[in-house]
Amino acid sequence: GFPVHAHSVPVPVHNFIKTLNPGTKLALFSTHG
């Protein structure tokens, strides 16, 4: 999960997602006001 920043994903989450192994089952959720 992550808060929406400037229509996108915050850098720490961006970097985390890019490190995931291929085939990792991922469920995303976000918060935004």
PDB file of all heavy atoms in Angstrom:
ATOM      1  N   GLY A   1       0.809  -1.211   0.000  1.00  0.00           N
ATOM      2  CA  GLY A   1       0.000   0.000   0.000  1.00  0.00           C
ATOM      3  C   GLY A   1       0.840   1.258   0.000  1.00  0.00           C
ATOM      4  O   GLY A   1       1.957   1.288   0.522  1.00  0.00           O
ATOM      5  N   PHE A   2       0.269   2.295  -0.582  1.00  0.00           N
ATOM      6  CA  PHE A   2       0.978   3.564  -0.699  1.00  0.00           C
ATOM      7  C   PHE A   2      -0.006   4.719  -0.865  1.00  0.00           C
ATOM      8  O   PHE A   2      -1.102   4.532  -1.374  1.00  0.00           O
ATOM      9  CB  PHE A   2       1.929   3.531  -1.900  1.00  0.00           C
ATOM     10  CG  PHE A   2       1.245   3.249  -3.208  1.00  0.00           C
ATOM     11  CD1 PHE A   2       0.758   4.281  -4.005  1.00  0.00           C
ATOM     12  CD2 PHE A   2       1.072   1.951  -3.646  1.00  0.00           C
ATOM     13  CE1 PHE A   2       0.120   4.014  -5.203  1.00  0.00           C
ATOM     14  CE2 PHE A   2       0.443   1.669  -4.850  1.00  0.00           C
ATOM     15  CZ  PHE A   2      -0.040   2.711  -5.628  1.00  0.00           C
ATOM     16  N   PRO A   3       0.404   5.926  -0.464  1.00  0.00           N
ATOM     17  CA  PRO A   3      -0.399   7.103  -0.756  1.00  0.00           C
ATOM     18  C   PRO A   3      -0.078   7.561  -2.182  1.00  0.00           C
ATOM     19  O   PRO A   3       1.044   7.380  -2.658  1.00  0.00           O
ATOM     20  CB  PRO A   3       0.082   8.131   0.277  1.00  0.00           C
ATOM     21  CG  PRO A   3       1.496   7.732   0.556  1.00  0.00           C
ATOM     22  CD  PRO A   3       1.534   6.233   0.412  1.00  0.00           C
ATOM     23  N   VAL A   4      -1.037   8.136  -2.839  1.00  0.00           N
ATOM     24  CA  VAL A   4      -0.816   8.653  -4.187  1.00  0.00           C
ATOM     25  C   VAL A   4      -0.007   9.937  -4.083  1.00  0.00           C
ATOM     26  O   VAL A   4      -0.356  10.846  -3.332  1.00  0.00           O
ATOM     27  CB  VAL A   4      -2.163   8.913  -4.904  1.00  0.00           C
ATOM     28  CG1 VAL A   4      -1.926   9.569  -6.253  1.00  0.00           C
ATOM     29  CG2 VAL A   4      -2.940   7.617  -5.063  1.00  0.00           C
ATOM     30  N   HIS A   5       1.095  10.003  -4.831  1.00  0.00           N
ATOM     31  CA  HIS A   5       1.928  11.204  -4.902  1.00  0.00           C
ATOM     32  C   HIS A   5       2.010  11.658  -6.350  1.00  0.00           C
ATOM     33  O   HIS A   5       2.519  10.924  -7.189  1.00  0.00           O
ATOM     34  CB  HIS A   5       3.343  10.913  -4.403  1.00  0.00           C
ATOM     35  CG  HIS A   5       3.454  10.789  -2.928  1.00  0.00           C
ATOM     36  ND1 HIS A   5       4.643  10.586  -2.305  1.00  0.00           N
ATOM     37  CD2 HIS A   5       2.531  10.854  -1.933  1.00  0.00           C
ATOM     38  CE1 HIS A   5       4.463  10.520  -1.000  1.00  0.00           C
ATOM     39  NE2 HIS A   5       3.176  10.662  -0.756  1.00  0.00           N
ATOM     40  N   ALA A   6       1.498  12.841  -6.629  1.00  0.00           N
ATOM     41  CA  ALA A   6       1.605  13.427  -7.973  1.00  0.00           C
ATOM     42  C   ALA A   6       1.164  12.448  -9.057  1.00  0.00           C
ATOM     43  O   ALA A   6       1.895  12.195 -10.011  1.00  0.00           O
ATOM     44  CB  ALA A   6       3.017  13.924  -8.224  1.00  0.00           C
ATOM     45  N   HIS A   7      -0.005  11.862  -8.894  1.00  0.00           N
ATOM     46  CA  HIS A   7      -0.581  10.911  -9.859  1.00  0.00           C
ATOM     47  C   HIS A   7       0.205   9.613  -9.946  1.00  0.00           C
ATOM     48  O   HIS A   7       0.051   8.867 -10.905  1.00  0.00           O
ATOM     49  CB  HIS A   7      -0.654  11.513 -11.267  1.00  0.00           C
ATOM     50  CG  HIS A   7      -1.456  12.732 -11.388  1.00  0.00           C
ATOM     51  ND1 HIS A   7      -2.737  12.728 -11.855  1.00  0.00           N
ATOM     52  CD2 HIS A   7      -1.181  14.029 -11.096  1.00  0.00           C
ATOM     53  CE1 HIS A   7      -3.213  13.953 -11.864  1.00  0.00           C
ATOM     54  NE2 HIS A   7      -2.292  14.761 -11.397  1.00  0.00           N
ATOM     55  N   SER A   8       1.070   9.329  -8.993  1.00  0.00           N
ATOM     56  CA  SER A   8       1.950   8.185  -9.158  1.00  0.00           C
ATOM     57  C   SER A   8       2.256   7.504  -7.831  1.00  0.00           C
ATOM     58  O   SER A   8       1.628   7.748  -6.820  1.00  0.00           O
ATOM     59  CB  SER A   8       3.245   8.649  -9.837  1.00  0.00           C
ATOM     60  OG  SER A   8       3.959   7.540 -10.304  1.00  0.00           O
ATOM     61  N   VAL A   9       3.270   6.666  -7.897  1.00  0.00           N
ATOM     62  CA  VAL A   9       3.719   5.852  -6.778  1.00  0.00           C
ATOM     63  C   VAL A   9       4.909   6.549  -6.111  1.00  0.00           C
ATOM     64  O   VAL A   9       5.823   6.985  -6.801  1.00  0.00           O
ATOM     65  CB  VAL A   9       4.162   4.460  -7.305  1.00  0.00           C
ATOM     66  CG1 VAL A   9       4.658   3.580  -6.207  1.00  0.00           C
ATOM     67  CG2 VAL A   9       3.025   3.813  -8.072  1.00  0.00           C
ATOM     68  N   PRO A  10       4.926   6.648  -4.778  1.00  0.00           N
ATOM     69  CA  PRO A  10       6.085   7.244  -4.109  1.00  0.00           C
ATOM     70  C   PRO A  10       7.368   6.458  -4.416  1.00  0.00           C
ATOM     71  O   PRO A  10       7.329   5.241  -4.605  1.00  0.00           O
ATOM     72  CB  PRO A  10       5.745   7.156  -2.626  1.00  0.00           C
ATOM     73  CG  PRO A  10       4.277   6.928  -2.565  1.00  0.00           C
ATOM     74  CD  PRO A  10       3.902   6.230  -3.828  1.00  0.00           C
ATOM     75  N   VAL A  11       8.484   7.144  -4.436  1.00  0.00           N
ATOM     76  CA  VAL A  11       9.767   6.532  -4.795  1.00  0.00           C
ATOM     77  C   VAL A  11      10.078   5.275  -3.979  1.00  0.00           C
ATOM     78  O   VAL A  11      10.489   4.261  -4.562  1.00  0.00           O
ATOM     79  CB  VAL A  11      10.914   7.564  -4.701  1.00  0.00           C
ATOM     80  CG1 VAL A  11      12.270   6.910  -4.875  1.00  0.00           C
ATOM     81  CG2 VAL A  11      10.708   8.659  -5.747  1.00  0.00           C
ATOM     82  N   PRO A  12       9.899   5.257  -2.646  1.00  0.00           N
ATOM     83  CA  PRO A  12      10.220   4.022  -1.919  1.00  0.00           C
ATOM     84  C   PRO A  12       9.399   2.814  -2.387  1.00  0.00           C
ATOM     85  O   PRO A  12       9.914   1.688  -2.446  1.00  0.00           O
ATOM     86  CB  PRO A  12       9.900   4.362  -0.458  1.00  0.00           C
ATOM     87  CG  PRO A  12      10.027   5.846  -0.391  1.00  0.00           C
ATOM     88  CD  PRO A  12       9.540   6.343  -1.728  1.00  0.00           C
ATOM     89  N   VAL A  13       8.140   3.031  -2.737  1.00  0.00           N
ATOM     90  CA  VAL A  13       7.304   1.928  -3.220  1.00  0.00           C
ATOM     91  C   VAL A  13       7.712   1.548  -4.640  1.00  0.00           C
ATOM     92  O   VAL A  13       7.771   0.365  -4.985  1.00  0.00           O
ATOM     93  CB  VAL A  13       5.808   2.294  -3.138  1.00  0.00           C
ATOM     94  CG1 VAL A  13       4.944   1.202  -3.745  1.00  0.00           C
ATOM     95  CG2 VAL A  13       5.410   2.556  -1.692  1.00  0.00           C
ATOM     96  N   HIS A  14       8.005   2.537  -5.464  1.00  0.00           N
ATOM     97  CA  HIS A  14       8.501   2.287  -6.822  1.00  0.00           C
ATOM     98  C   HIS A  14       9.722   1.366  -6.749  1.00  0.00           C
ATOM     99  O   HIS A  14       9.790   0.336  -7.440  1.00  0.00           O
ATOM    100  CB  HIS A  14       8.860   3.614  -7.488  1.00  0.00           C
ATOM    101  CG  HIS A  14       9.408   3.491  -8.863  1.00  0.00           C
ATOM    102  ND1 HIS A  14      10.729   3.192  -9.106  1.00  0.00           N
ATOM    103  CD2 HIS A  14       8.815   3.633 -10.069  1.00  0.00           C
ATOM    104  CE1 HIS A  14      10.936   3.159 -10.413  1.00  0.00           C
ATOM    105  NE2 HIS A  14       9.784   3.418 -11.017  1.00  0.00           N
ATOM    106  N   ASN A  15      10.667   1.723  -5.906  1.00  0.00           N
ATOM    107  CA  ASN A  15      11.889   0.927  -5.771  1.00  0.00           C
ATOM    108  C   ASN A  15      11.596  -0.474  -5.228  1.00  0.00           C
ATOM    109  O   ASN A  15      12.192  -1.452  -5.680  1.00  0.00           O
ATOM    110  CB  ASN A  15      12.887   1.646  -4.876  1.00  0.00           C
ATOM    111  CG  ASN A  15      13.386   2.931  -5.503  1.00  0.00           C
ATOM    112  OD1 ASN A  15      13.306   3.136  -6.711  1.00  0.00           O
ATOM    113  ND2 ASN A  15      13.890   3.828  -4.675  1.00  0.00           N
ATOM    114  N   PHE A  16      10.681  -0.576  -4.278  1.00  0.00           N
ATOM    115  CA  PHE A  16      10.311  -1.876  -3.721  1.00  0.00           C
ATOM    116  C   PHE A  16       9.706  -2.783  -4.792  1.00  0.00           C
ATOM    117  O   PHE A  16      10.113  -3.940  -4.935  1.00  0.00           O
ATOM    118  CB  PHE A  16       9.319  -1.698  -2.569  1.00  0.00           C
ATOM    119  CG  PHE A  16       8.736  -2.987  -2.073  1.00  0.00           C
ATOM    120  CD1 PHE A  16       9.473  -3.827  -1.262  1.00  0.00           C
ATOM    121  CD2 PHE A  16       7.451  -3.370  -2.432  1.00  0.00           C
ATOM    122  CE1 PHE A  16       8.941  -5.036  -0.815  1.00  0.00           C
ATOM    123  CE2 PHE A  16       6.917  -4.563  -1.988  1.00  0.00           C
ATOM    124  CZ  PHE A  16       7.666  -5.403  -1.181  1.00  0.00           C
ATOM    125  N   ILE A  17       8.759  -2.274  -5.538  1.00  0.00           N
ATOM    126  CA  ILE A  17       8.090  -3.078  -6.572  1.00  0.00           C
ATOM    127  C   ILE A  17       9.103  -3.566  -7.607  1.00  0.00           C
ATOM    128  O   ILE A  17       9.045  -4.706  -8.064  1.00  0.00           O
ATOM    129  CB  ILE A  17       6.936  -2.303  -7.224  1.00  0.00           C
ATOM    130  CG1 ILE A  17       5.801  -2.101  -6.202  1.00  0.00           C
ATOM    131  CG2 ILE A  17       6.418  -3.023  -8.468  1.00  0.00           C
ATOM    132  CD1 ILE A  17       4.690  -1.181  -6.687  1.00  0.00           C
ATOM    133  N   LYS A  18      10.056  -2.713  -7.954  1.00  0.00           N
ATOM    134  CA  LYS A  18      11.057  -3.090  -8.961  1.00  0.00           C
ATOM    135  C   LYS A  18      11.970  -4.213  -8.478  1.00  0.00           C
ATOM    136  O   LYS A  18      12.606  -4.875  -9.296  1.00  0.00           O
ATOM    137  CB  LYS A  18      11.890  -1.871  -9.364  1.00  0.00           C
ATOM    138  CG  LYS A  18      11.103  -0.777 -10.068  1.00  0.00           C
ATOM    139  CD  LYS A  18      10.472  -1.235 -11.349  1.00  0.00           C
ATOM    140  CE  LYS A  18      11.444  -1.153 -12.486  1.00  0.00           C
ATOM    141  NZ  LYS A  18      10.867  -1.544 -13.773  1.00  0.00           N
ATOM    142  N   THR A  19      12.035  -4.449  -7.164  1.00  0.00           N
ATOM    143  CA  THR A  19      12.908  -5.518  -6.648  1.00  0.00           C
ATOM    144  C   THR A  19      12.206  -6.869  -6.558  1.00  0.00           C
ATOM    145  O   THR A  19      12.857  -7.872  -6.270  1.00  0.00           O
ATOM    146  CB  THR A  19      13.442  -5.173  -5.238  1.00  0.00           C
ATOM    147  OG1 THR A  19      12.354  -5.172  -4.310  1.00  0.00           O
ATOM    148  CG2 THR A  19      14.174  -3.852  -5.219  1.00  0.00           C
ATOM    149  N   LEU A  20      10.904  -6.908  -6.794  1.00  0.00           N
ATOM    150  CA  LEU A  20      10.165  -8.162  -6.644  1.00  0.00           C
ATOM    151  C   LEU A  20      10.589  -9.185  -7.698  1.00  0.00           C
ATOM    152  O   LEU A  20      10.861  -8.841  -8.851  1.00  0.00           O
ATOM    153  CB  LEU A  20       8.662  -7.907  -6.740  1.00  0.00           C
ATOM    154  CG  LEU A  20       8.071  -7.046  -5.630  1.00  0.00           C
ATOM    155  CD1 LEU A  20       6.595  -6.780  -5.894  1.00  0.00           C
ATOM    156  CD2 LEU A  20       8.277  -7.690  -4.268  1.00  0.00           C
ATOM    157  N   ASN A  21      10.621 -10.436  -7.275  1.00  0.00           N
ATOM    158  CA  ASN A  21      10.953 -11.518  -8.191  1.00  0.00           C
ATOM    159  C   ASN A  21       9.834 -11.714  -9.207  1.00  0.00           C
ATOM    160  O   ASN A  21       8.655 -11.521  -8.878  1.00  0.00           O
ATOM    161  CB  ASN A  21      11.168 -12.818  -7.423  1.00  0.00           C
ATOM    162  CG  ASN A  21      12.378 -12.762  -6.524  1.00  0.00           C
ATOM    163  OD1 ASN A  21      13.380 -12.132  -6.853  1.00  0.00           O
ATOM    164  ND2 ASN A  21      12.299 -13.419  -5.386  1.00  0.00           N
ATOM    165  N   PRO A  22      10.171 -12.120 -10.416  1.00  0.00           N
ATOM    166  CA  PRO A  22       9.137 -12.411 -11.414  1.00  0.00           C
ATOM    167  C   PRO A  22       8.141 -13.434 -10.867  1.00  0.00           C
ATOM    168  O   PRO A  22       8.526 -14.386 -10.185  1.00  0.00           O
ATOM    169  CB  PRO A  22       9.921 -12.989 -12.591  1.00  0.00           C
ATOM    170  CG  PRO A  22      11.289 -12.419 -12.435  1.00  0.00           C
ATOM    171  CD  PRO A  22      11.512 -12.325 -10.947  1.00  0.00           C
ATOM    172  N   GLY A  23       6.874 -13.212 -11.120  1.00  0.00           N
ATOM    173  CA  GLY A  23       5.833 -14.123 -10.683  1.00  0.00           C
ATOM    174  C   GLY A  23       5.330 -13.881  -9.271  1.00  0.00           C
ATOM    175  O   GLY A  23       4.449 -14.597  -8.805  1.00  0.00           O
ATOM    176  N   THR A  24       5.879 -12.886  -8.588  1.00  0.00           N
ATOM    177  CA  THR A  24       5.413 -12.575  -7.238  1.00  0.00           C
ATOM    178  C   THR A  24       3.951 -12.141  -7.288  1.00  0.00           C
ATOM    179  O   THR A  24       3.584 -11.290  -8.098  1.00  0.00           O
ATOM    180  CB  THR A  24       6.255 -11.441  -6.615  1.00  0.00           C
ATOM    181  OG1 THR A  24       7.605 -11.859  -6.537  1.00  0.00           O
ATOM    182  CG2 THR A  24       5.744 -11.068  -5.228  1.00  0.00           C
ATOM    183  N   LYS A  25       3.132 -12.738  -6.456  1.00  0.00           N
ATOM    184  CA  LYS A  25       1.721 -12.341  -6.386  1.00  0.00           C
ATOM    185  C   LYS A  25       1.642 -11.076  -5.547  1.00  0.00           C
ATOM    186  O   LYS A  25       2.069 -11.057  -4.380  1.00  0.00           O
ATOM    187  CB  LYS A  25       0.871 -13.445  -5.792  1.00  0.00           C
ATOM    188  CG  LYS A  25       0.768 -14.636  -6.714  1.00  0.00           C
ATOM    189  CD  LYS A  25      -0.127 -15.694  -6.148  1.00  0.00           C
ATOM    190  CE  LYS A  25      -0.169 -16.879  -7.114  1.00  0.00           C
ATOM    191  NZ  LYS A  25      -0.968 -17.963  -6.580  1.00  0.00           N
ATOM    192  N   LEU A  26       1.092 -10.017  -6.153  1.00  0.00           N
ATOM    193  CA  LEU A  26       1.082  -8.694  -5.550  1.00  0.00           C
ATOM    194  C   LEU A  26      -0.322  -8.116  -5.570  1.00  0.00           C
ATOM    195  O   LEU A  26      -0.966  -8.076  -6.611  1.00  0.00           O
ATOM    196  CB  LEU A  26       2.035  -7.779  -6.328  1.00  0.00           C
ATOM    197  CG  LEU A  26       2.178  -6.332  -5.892  1.00  0.00           C
ATOM    198  CD1 LEU A  26       2.797  -6.251  -4.498  1.00  0.00           C
ATOM    199  CD2 LEU A  26       3.038  -5.576  -6.898  1.00  0.00           C
ATOM    200  N   ALA A  27      -0.792  -7.686  -4.408  1.00  0.00           N
ATOM    201  CA  ALA A  27      -2.081  -7.005  -4.286  1.00  0.00           C
ATOM    202  C   ALA A  27      -1.790  -5.566  -3.869  1.00  0.00           C
ATOM    203  O   ALA A  27      -1.191  -5.321  -2.822  1.00  0.00           O
ATOM    204  CB  ALA A  27      -2.955  -7.693  -3.243  1.00  0.00           C
ATOM    205  N   LEU A  28      -2.187  -4.620  -4.705  1.00  0.00           N
ATOM    206  CA  LEU A  28      -1.908  -3.206  -4.456  1.00  0.00           C
ATOM    207  C   LEU A  28      -3.108  -2.508  -3.832  1.00  0.00           C
ATOM    208  O   LEU A  28      -4.252  -2.814  -4.162  1.00  0.00           O
ATOM    209  CB  LEU A  28      -1.559  -2.505  -5.767  1.00  0.00           C
ATOM    210  CG  LEU A  28      -0.321  -3.028  -6.490  1.00  0.00           C
ATOM    211  CD1 LEU A  28      -0.289  -2.500  -7.916  1.00  0.00           C
ATOM    212  CD2 LEU A  28       0.936  -2.631  -5.737  1.00  0.00           C
ATOM    213  N   PHE A  29      -2.841  -1.553  -2.948  1.00  0.00           N
ATOM    214  CA  PHE A  29      -3.883  -0.664  -2.443  1.00  0.00           C
ATOM    215  C   PHE A  29      -3.270   0.711  -2.239  1.00  0.00           C
ATOM    216  O   PHE A  29      -2.064   0.841  -2.015  1.00  0.00           O
ATOM    217  CB  PHE A  29      -4.529  -1.210  -1.163  1.00  0.00           C
ATOM    218  CG  PHE A  29      -3.613  -1.338   0.024  1.00  0.00           C
ATOM    219  CD1 PHE A  29      -3.554  -0.341   0.978  1.00  0.00           C
ATOM    220  CD2 PHE A  29      -2.827  -2.473   0.186  1.00  0.00           C
ATOM    221  CE1 PHE A  29      -2.722  -0.466   2.089  1.00  0.00           C
ATOM    222  CE2 PHE A  29      -2.002  -2.615   1.291  1.00  0.00           C
ATOM    223  CZ  PHE A  29      -1.943  -1.608   2.242  1.00  0.00           C
ATOM    224  N   SER A  30      -4.103   1.723  -2.375  1.00  0.00           N
ATOM    225  CA  SER A  30      -3.589   3.088  -2.228  1.00  0.00           C
ATOM    226  C   SER A  30      -4.580   3.945  -1.462  1.00  0.00           C
ATOM    227  O   SER A  30      -5.761   3.618  -1.347  1.00  0.00           O
ATOM    228  CB  SER A  30      -3.295   3.715  -3.586  1.00  0.00           C
ATOM    229  OG  SER A  30      -4.487   3.950  -4.291  1.00  0.00           O
ATOM    230  N   THR A  31      -4.062   5.040  -0.940  1.00  0.00           N
ATOM    231  CA  THR A  31      -4.898   6.023  -0.272  1.00  0.00           C
ATOM    232  C   THR A  31      -4.687   7.367  -0.954  1.00  0.00           C
ATOM    233  O   THR A  31      -3.599   7.657  -1.463  1.00  0.00           O
ATOM    234  CB  THR A  31      -4.542   6.141   1.223  1.00  0.00           C
ATOM    235  OG1 THR A  31      -3.157   6.464   1.351  1.00  0.00           O
ATOM    236  CG2 THR A  31      -4.833   4.851   1.968  1.00  0.00           C
ATOM    237  N   HIS A  32      -5.760   8.151  -0.969  1.00  0.00           N
ATOM    238  CA  HIS A  32      -5.672   9.477  -1.577  1.00  0.00           C
ATOM    239  C   HIS A  32      -6.848  10.308  -1.126  1.00  0.00           C
ATOM    240  O   HIS A  32      -7.971   9.806  -1.052  1.00  0.00           O
ATOM    241  CB  HIS A  32      -5.671   9.364  -3.107  1.00  0.00           C
ATOM    242  CG  HIS A  32      -5.357  10.655  -3.781  1.00  0.00           C
ATOM    243  ND1 HIS A  32      -6.336  11.547  -4.154  1.00  0.00           N
ATOM    244  CD2 HIS A  32      -4.185  11.219  -4.119  1.00  0.00           C
ATOM    245  CE1 HIS A  32      -5.763  12.599  -4.712  1.00  0.00           C
ATOM    246  NE2 HIS A  32      -4.459  12.423  -4.700  1.00  0.00           N
ATOM    247  N   GLY A  33      -6.607  11.545  -0.829  1.00  0.00           N
ATOM    248  CA  GLY A  33      -7.667  12.436  -0.372  1.00  0.00           C
ATOM    249  C   GLY A  33      -8.358  13.148  -1.518  1.00  0.00           C
ATOM    250  O   GLY A  33      -8.363  14.372  -1.574  1.00  0.00           O
TER     251      GLY A  33
END
